N, C-alpha and C. Protein backbone atom coordinates (compact mmCIF):
# COMPACT_ATOMS: atom_id res chain seq x y z
N UNK A 1 30.97 14.86 1.78
CA UNK A 1 29.62 15.17 1.36
C UNK A 1 28.91 13.87 0.97
N UNK A 2 27.69 13.71 1.40
CA UNK A 2 26.93 12.50 1.11
C UNK A 2 26.43 12.53 -0.33
N UNK A 3 26.36 11.34 -0.92
CA UNK A 3 25.84 11.21 -2.28
C UNK A 3 24.33 11.00 -2.20
N UNK A 4 23.56 11.97 -2.63
CA UNK A 4 22.11 11.90 -2.58
C UNK A 4 21.49 11.60 -3.93
N UNK A 5 22.26 11.01 -4.84
CA UNK A 5 21.77 10.75 -6.19
C UNK A 5 20.54 9.84 -6.18
N UNK A 6 20.44 8.93 -5.21
CA UNK A 6 19.31 8.01 -5.16
C UNK A 6 18.12 8.52 -4.37
N UNK A 7 18.25 9.68 -3.75
CA UNK A 7 17.18 10.23 -2.93
C UNK A 7 16.17 10.95 -3.81
N UNK A 8 14.93 10.49 -3.73
CA UNK A 8 13.87 11.13 -4.52
C UNK A 8 12.77 11.57 -3.56
N UNK A 9 12.37 12.79 -3.69
CA UNK A 9 11.29 13.32 -2.88
C UNK A 9 10.12 13.58 -3.81
N UNK A 10 8.99 12.97 -3.49
CA UNK A 10 7.80 13.16 -4.32
C UNK A 10 6.64 13.61 -3.44
N UNK A 11 5.92 14.58 -3.91
CA UNK A 11 4.76 15.07 -3.16
C UNK A 11 3.59 14.14 -3.42
N UNK A 12 2.94 13.73 -2.35
CA UNK A 12 1.75 12.91 -2.45
C UNK A 12 0.55 13.85 -2.51
N UNK A 13 -0.40 13.59 -3.38
CA UNK A 13 -1.59 14.45 -3.39
C UNK A 13 -2.41 14.25 -2.12
N UNK A 14 -3.10 15.29 -1.72
CA UNK A 14 -3.97 15.18 -0.53
C UNK A 14 -5.06 14.16 -0.82
N UNK A 15 -5.40 13.33 0.17
CA UNK A 15 -6.39 12.28 -0.05
C UNK A 15 -7.82 12.83 -0.04
N UNK A 16 -8.12 13.68 -1.00
CA UNK A 16 -9.43 14.32 -1.08
C UNK A 16 -10.12 13.92 -2.38
N UNK A 17 -11.40 13.63 -2.28
CA UNK A 17 -12.18 13.26 -3.46
C UNK A 17 -13.52 13.98 -3.41
N UNK A 18 -13.91 14.56 -4.54
CA UNK A 18 -15.23 15.19 -4.63
C UNK A 18 -16.22 14.18 -5.16
N UNK A 19 -17.40 14.10 -4.52
CA UNK A 19 -18.42 13.17 -4.98
C UNK A 19 -19.25 13.83 -6.08
N UNK A 20 -20.26 13.13 -6.55
CA UNK A 20 -21.09 13.62 -7.65
C UNK A 20 -21.79 14.94 -7.32
N UNK A 21 -22.03 15.18 -6.04
CA UNK A 21 -22.68 16.42 -5.61
C UNK A 21 -21.70 17.54 -5.32
N UNK A 22 -20.40 17.26 -5.50
CA UNK A 22 -19.38 18.26 -5.24
C UNK A 22 -18.93 18.33 -3.79
N UNK A 23 -19.38 17.41 -2.97
CA UNK A 23 -18.96 17.37 -1.56
C UNK A 23 -17.58 16.72 -1.51
N UNK A 24 -16.64 17.39 -0.87
CA UNK A 24 -15.28 16.87 -0.77
C UNK A 24 -15.17 15.97 0.45
N UNK A 25 -14.72 14.75 0.21
CA UNK A 25 -14.58 13.75 1.27
C UNK A 25 -13.11 13.37 1.42
N UNK A 26 -12.76 12.92 2.61
CA UNK A 26 -11.38 12.52 2.90
C UNK A 26 -11.21 11.06 2.52
N UNK A 27 -10.25 10.81 1.61
CA UNK A 27 -9.98 9.45 1.16
C UNK A 27 -11.23 8.81 0.59
N UNK A 28 -11.39 7.53 0.82
CA UNK A 28 -12.57 6.83 0.35
C UNK A 28 -13.63 6.73 1.42
N UNK A 29 -13.63 7.66 2.37
CA UNK A 29 -14.56 7.59 3.50
C UNK A 29 -15.77 8.49 3.26
N UNK A 30 -16.68 8.45 4.21
CA UNK A 30 -17.85 9.34 4.17
C UNK A 30 -17.59 10.62 4.94
N UNK A 31 -16.42 10.76 5.53
CA UNK A 31 -16.09 11.95 6.32
C UNK A 31 -15.80 13.11 5.37
N UNK A 32 -16.51 14.21 5.56
CA UNK A 32 -16.30 15.36 4.67
C UNK A 32 -15.10 16.19 5.12
N UNK A 33 -14.57 16.91 4.17
CA UNK A 33 -13.46 17.82 4.47
C UNK A 33 -13.92 18.86 5.49
N UNK A 34 -15.14 19.38 5.31
CA UNK A 34 -15.66 20.38 6.25
C UNK A 34 -15.72 19.85 7.68
N UNK A 35 -16.13 18.59 7.83
CA UNK A 35 -16.21 17.97 9.16
C UNK A 35 -14.84 17.89 9.79
N UNK A 36 -13.85 17.45 9.00
CA UNK A 36 -12.50 17.30 9.54
C UNK A 36 -11.88 18.66 9.87
N UNK A 37 -12.07 19.63 9.01
CA UNK A 37 -11.52 20.96 9.26
C UNK A 37 -12.17 21.57 10.49
N UNK A 38 -13.47 21.40 10.66
CA UNK A 38 -14.17 21.94 11.84
C UNK A 38 -13.62 21.32 13.12
N UNK A 39 -13.38 20.01 13.11
CA UNK A 39 -12.83 19.34 14.29
C UNK A 39 -11.45 19.90 14.61
N UNK A 40 -10.64 20.10 13.58
CA UNK A 40 -9.28 20.63 13.78
C UNK A 40 -9.33 22.07 14.30
N UNK A 41 -10.22 22.88 13.73
CA UNK A 41 -10.35 24.27 14.18
C UNK A 41 -10.86 24.35 15.62
N UNK A 42 -11.63 23.34 16.03
CA UNK A 42 -12.13 23.30 17.41
C UNK A 42 -11.08 22.80 18.39
N UNK A 43 -9.88 22.51 17.88
CA UNK A 43 -8.78 22.14 18.76
C UNK A 43 -8.45 20.65 18.81
N UNK A 44 -9.14 19.83 18.03
CA UNK A 44 -8.85 18.39 18.04
C UNK A 44 -7.50 18.13 17.39
N UNK A 45 -6.74 17.24 17.99
CA UNK A 45 -5.48 16.83 17.38
C UNK A 45 -5.77 15.81 16.29
N UNK A 46 -4.78 15.50 15.49
CA UNK A 46 -4.95 14.49 14.44
C UNK A 46 -5.36 13.16 15.06
N UNK A 47 -4.77 12.82 16.17
CA UNK A 47 -5.08 11.56 16.85
C UNK A 47 -6.53 11.54 17.34
N UNK A 48 -7.00 12.68 17.86
CA UNK A 48 -8.39 12.77 18.32
C UNK A 48 -9.37 12.66 17.15
N UNK A 49 -9.00 13.23 16.01
CA UNK A 49 -9.86 13.14 14.82
C UNK A 49 -9.97 11.69 14.37
N UNK A 50 -8.87 10.95 14.38
CA UNK A 50 -8.90 9.54 14.01
C UNK A 50 -9.75 8.76 15.00
N UNK A 51 -9.67 9.12 16.28
CA UNK A 51 -10.49 8.46 17.29
C UNK A 51 -11.98 8.72 17.04
N UNK A 52 -12.31 9.96 16.67
CA UNK A 52 -13.70 10.33 16.40
C UNK A 52 -14.21 9.71 15.11
N UNK A 53 -13.32 9.56 14.13
CA UNK A 53 -13.69 9.05 12.81
C UNK A 53 -12.74 7.90 12.45
N UNK A 54 -12.99 6.71 12.97
CA UNK A 54 -12.06 5.59 12.80
C UNK A 54 -11.89 5.12 11.35
N UNK A 55 -12.73 5.58 10.44
CA UNK A 55 -12.53 5.20 9.03
C UNK A 55 -11.36 5.96 8.42
N UNK A 56 -10.89 7.01 9.11
CA UNK A 56 -9.73 7.77 8.64
C UNK A 56 -8.46 7.17 9.21
N UNK A 57 -7.40 7.27 8.42
CA UNK A 57 -6.09 6.86 8.94
C UNK A 57 -5.37 8.11 9.45
N UNK A 58 -4.43 7.90 10.34
CA UNK A 58 -3.66 9.04 10.86
C UNK A 58 -2.91 9.73 9.73
N UNK A 59 -2.39 8.97 8.79
CA UNK A 59 -1.67 9.55 7.64
C UNK A 59 -2.59 10.44 6.81
N UNK A 60 -3.85 10.01 6.61
CA UNK A 60 -4.80 10.83 5.84
C UNK A 60 -5.08 12.13 6.57
N UNK A 61 -5.28 12.06 7.86
CA UNK A 61 -5.58 13.27 8.64
C UNK A 61 -4.41 14.24 8.58
N UNK A 62 -3.19 13.75 8.80
CA UNK A 62 -2.04 14.64 8.72
C UNK A 62 -1.88 15.22 7.33
N UNK A 63 -2.13 14.44 6.28
CA UNK A 63 -2.00 14.93 4.90
C UNK A 63 -3.00 16.05 4.63
N UNK A 64 -4.23 15.88 5.11
CA UNK A 64 -5.24 16.90 4.90
C UNK A 64 -4.92 18.16 5.71
N UNK A 65 -4.47 17.99 6.94
CA UNK A 65 -4.08 19.16 7.75
C UNK A 65 -2.94 19.91 7.08
N UNK A 66 -1.99 19.20 6.56
CA UNK A 66 -0.84 19.83 5.88
C UNK A 66 -1.29 20.53 4.60
N UNK A 67 -2.29 19.97 3.94
CA UNK A 67 -2.79 20.55 2.69
C UNK A 67 -3.41 21.90 2.96
């Protein structure tokens, strides 16, 4: 049996921030959560979303989709 005493799993919070008007944006970008969710619902892959919105990182897009 492997010793997993040093293995730690920590959940990272979704990279979402609400601005002063209550609009939820992804990370520190101007891309709104609604915009990203709409692109995903329209069939865009995470990679396509990053291509459309280059201020987003692939990790941010996957984190938001998972959220």
